[in-house]
Amino acid sequence: MNYKAEHVPKNSRFEIDLGEDVAHADYRLSGNVMTIFHVYTPPEYRGQGLAAMVTKFALDYIRENKMKVIPQCPYVTDYIEKNKEYQELLAG
């Protein structure tokens, strides 16, 4: 199945609609710094790359909007470590 990530500002998160459920990355925004504090994929959808997809979408959004990121979620920290092109987005 083809999944698509989207930004849902009213919920302060990035989401992938899975029909009955949602994979998501939750954030807090302070000025031009986005703190991503939680990435979640429902158990029955794990192992399909959805966490990576929503994380990449969030980081690309941050880059496109000339923002910085604080990765409080260990998954996002690991993702940035493995994908060095996003390290320039780190705040601080």
Protein backbone atom coordinates (compact mmCIF):
# COMPACT_ATOMS: atom_id res chain seq x y z
CA MET A 1 0.00 0.00 0.00
CA ASN A 2 1.20 3.55 -0.73
CA TYR A 3 1.26 5.70 2.36
CA LYS A 4 1.67 9.46 2.39
CA ALA A 5 2.81 11.64 5.27
CA GLU A 6 1.20 15.00 5.94
CA HIS A 7 1.60 17.88 8.36
CA VAL A 8 -1.36 18.40 10.71
CA PRO A 9 -0.58 21.67 12.53
CA LYS A 10 -3.80 21.68 14.59
CA ASN A 11 -2.61 18.42 16.22
CA SER A 12 1.06 19.52 16.36
CA ARG A 13 2.17 16.45 14.49
CA PHE A 14 3.04 14.81 11.21
CA GLU A 15 0.82 11.86 10.33
CA ILE A 16 0.46 8.90 8.02
CA ASP A 17 -3.18 7.85 7.72
CA LEU A 18 -3.41 4.06 7.96
CA GLY A 19 -7.18 3.88 7.69
CA GLU A 20 -8.18 2.67 11.14
CA ASP A 21 -5.05 4.08 12.79
CA VAL A 22 -2.30 6.68 12.37
CA ALA A 23 1.49 6.63 12.51
CA HIS A 24 2.75 10.00 13.75
CA ALA A 25 5.53 12.26 14.95
CA ASP A 26 4.45 14.69 17.69
CA TYR A 27 6.17 18.03 18.19
CA ARG A 28 6.23 21.29 20.11
CA LEU A 29 7.07 24.51 18.30
CA SER A 30 8.90 27.42 19.90
CA GLY A 31 9.78 30.18 17.46
CA ASN A 32 11.66 28.49 14.64
CA VAL A 33 12.68 25.43 16.70
CA MET A 34 10.63 22.25 16.51
CA THR A 35 11.07 19.69 19.28
CA ILE A 36 10.03 16.23 18.09
CA PHE A 37 9.26 14.34 21.28
CA HIS A 38 7.45 11.20 20.10
CA VAL A 39 7.31 9.00 17.00
CA TYR A 40 4.72 6.22 17.00
CA THR A 41 3.78 3.41 14.66
CA PRO A 42 0.90 1.08 15.62
CA PRO A 43 2.26 -2.41 16.43
CA GLU A 44 0.55 -4.13 13.51
CA TYR A 45 2.26 -1.71 11.06
CA ARG A 46 5.79 -1.87 12.46
CA GLY A 47 8.63 -3.03 10.24
CA GLN A 48 7.26 -1.26 7.15
CA GLY A 49 9.40 1.88 7.40
CA LEU A 50 6.56 4.15 8.51
CA ALA A 51 8.50 5.70 11.42
CA ALA A 52 11.33 6.54 9.02
CA MET A 53 8.85 7.95 6.50
CA VAL A 54 7.14 10.28 8.98
CA THR A 55 10.49 11.31 10.50
CA LYS A 56 11.98 12.12 7.09
CA PHE A 57 8.86 14.08 6.17
CA ALA A 58 9.12 16.10 9.41
CA LEU A 59 12.82 16.82 8.92
CA ASP A 60 12.27 17.83 5.29
CA TYR A 61 9.50 20.18 6.46
CA ILE A 62 11.88 21.69 9.03
CA ARG A 63 14.55 22.19 6.35
CA GLU A 64 12.12 23.71 3.83
CA ASN A 65 10.87 26.15 6.46
CA LYS A 66 14.38 27.15 7.59
CA MET A 67 13.81 25.85 11.09
CA LYS A 68 15.89 23.86 13.58
CA VAL A 69 15.08 20.64 15.42
CA ILE A 70 15.55 19.30 18.92
CA PRO A 71 15.15 15.51 18.79
CA GLN A 72 13.83 14.42 22.19
CA CYS A 73 12.61 11.11 20.79
CA PRO A 74 15.38 8.49 20.66
CA TYR A 75 14.13 7.32 17.25
CA VAL A 76 14.62 10.79 15.76
CA THR A 77 18.06 11.08 17.35
CA ASP A 78 19.08 7.75 15.80
CA TYR A 79 17.56 8.71 12.43
CA ILE A 80 19.58 11.94 12.30
CA GLU A 81 22.74 10.06 13.33
CA LYS A 82 22.25 7.59 10.46
CA ASN A 83 21.22 10.27 7.95
CA LYS A 84 23.98 12.84 8.32
CA GLU A 85 22.39 15.27 5.86
CA TYR A 86 19.95 16.25 8.63
CA GLN A 87 22.59 17.07 11.25
CA GLU A 88 22.71 20.67 10.02
CA LEU A 89 19.14 21.05 11.34
CA LEU A 90 20.08 20.37 14.96
CA ALA A 91 19.44 23.32 17.27
CA GLY A 92 22.05 24.43 19.72
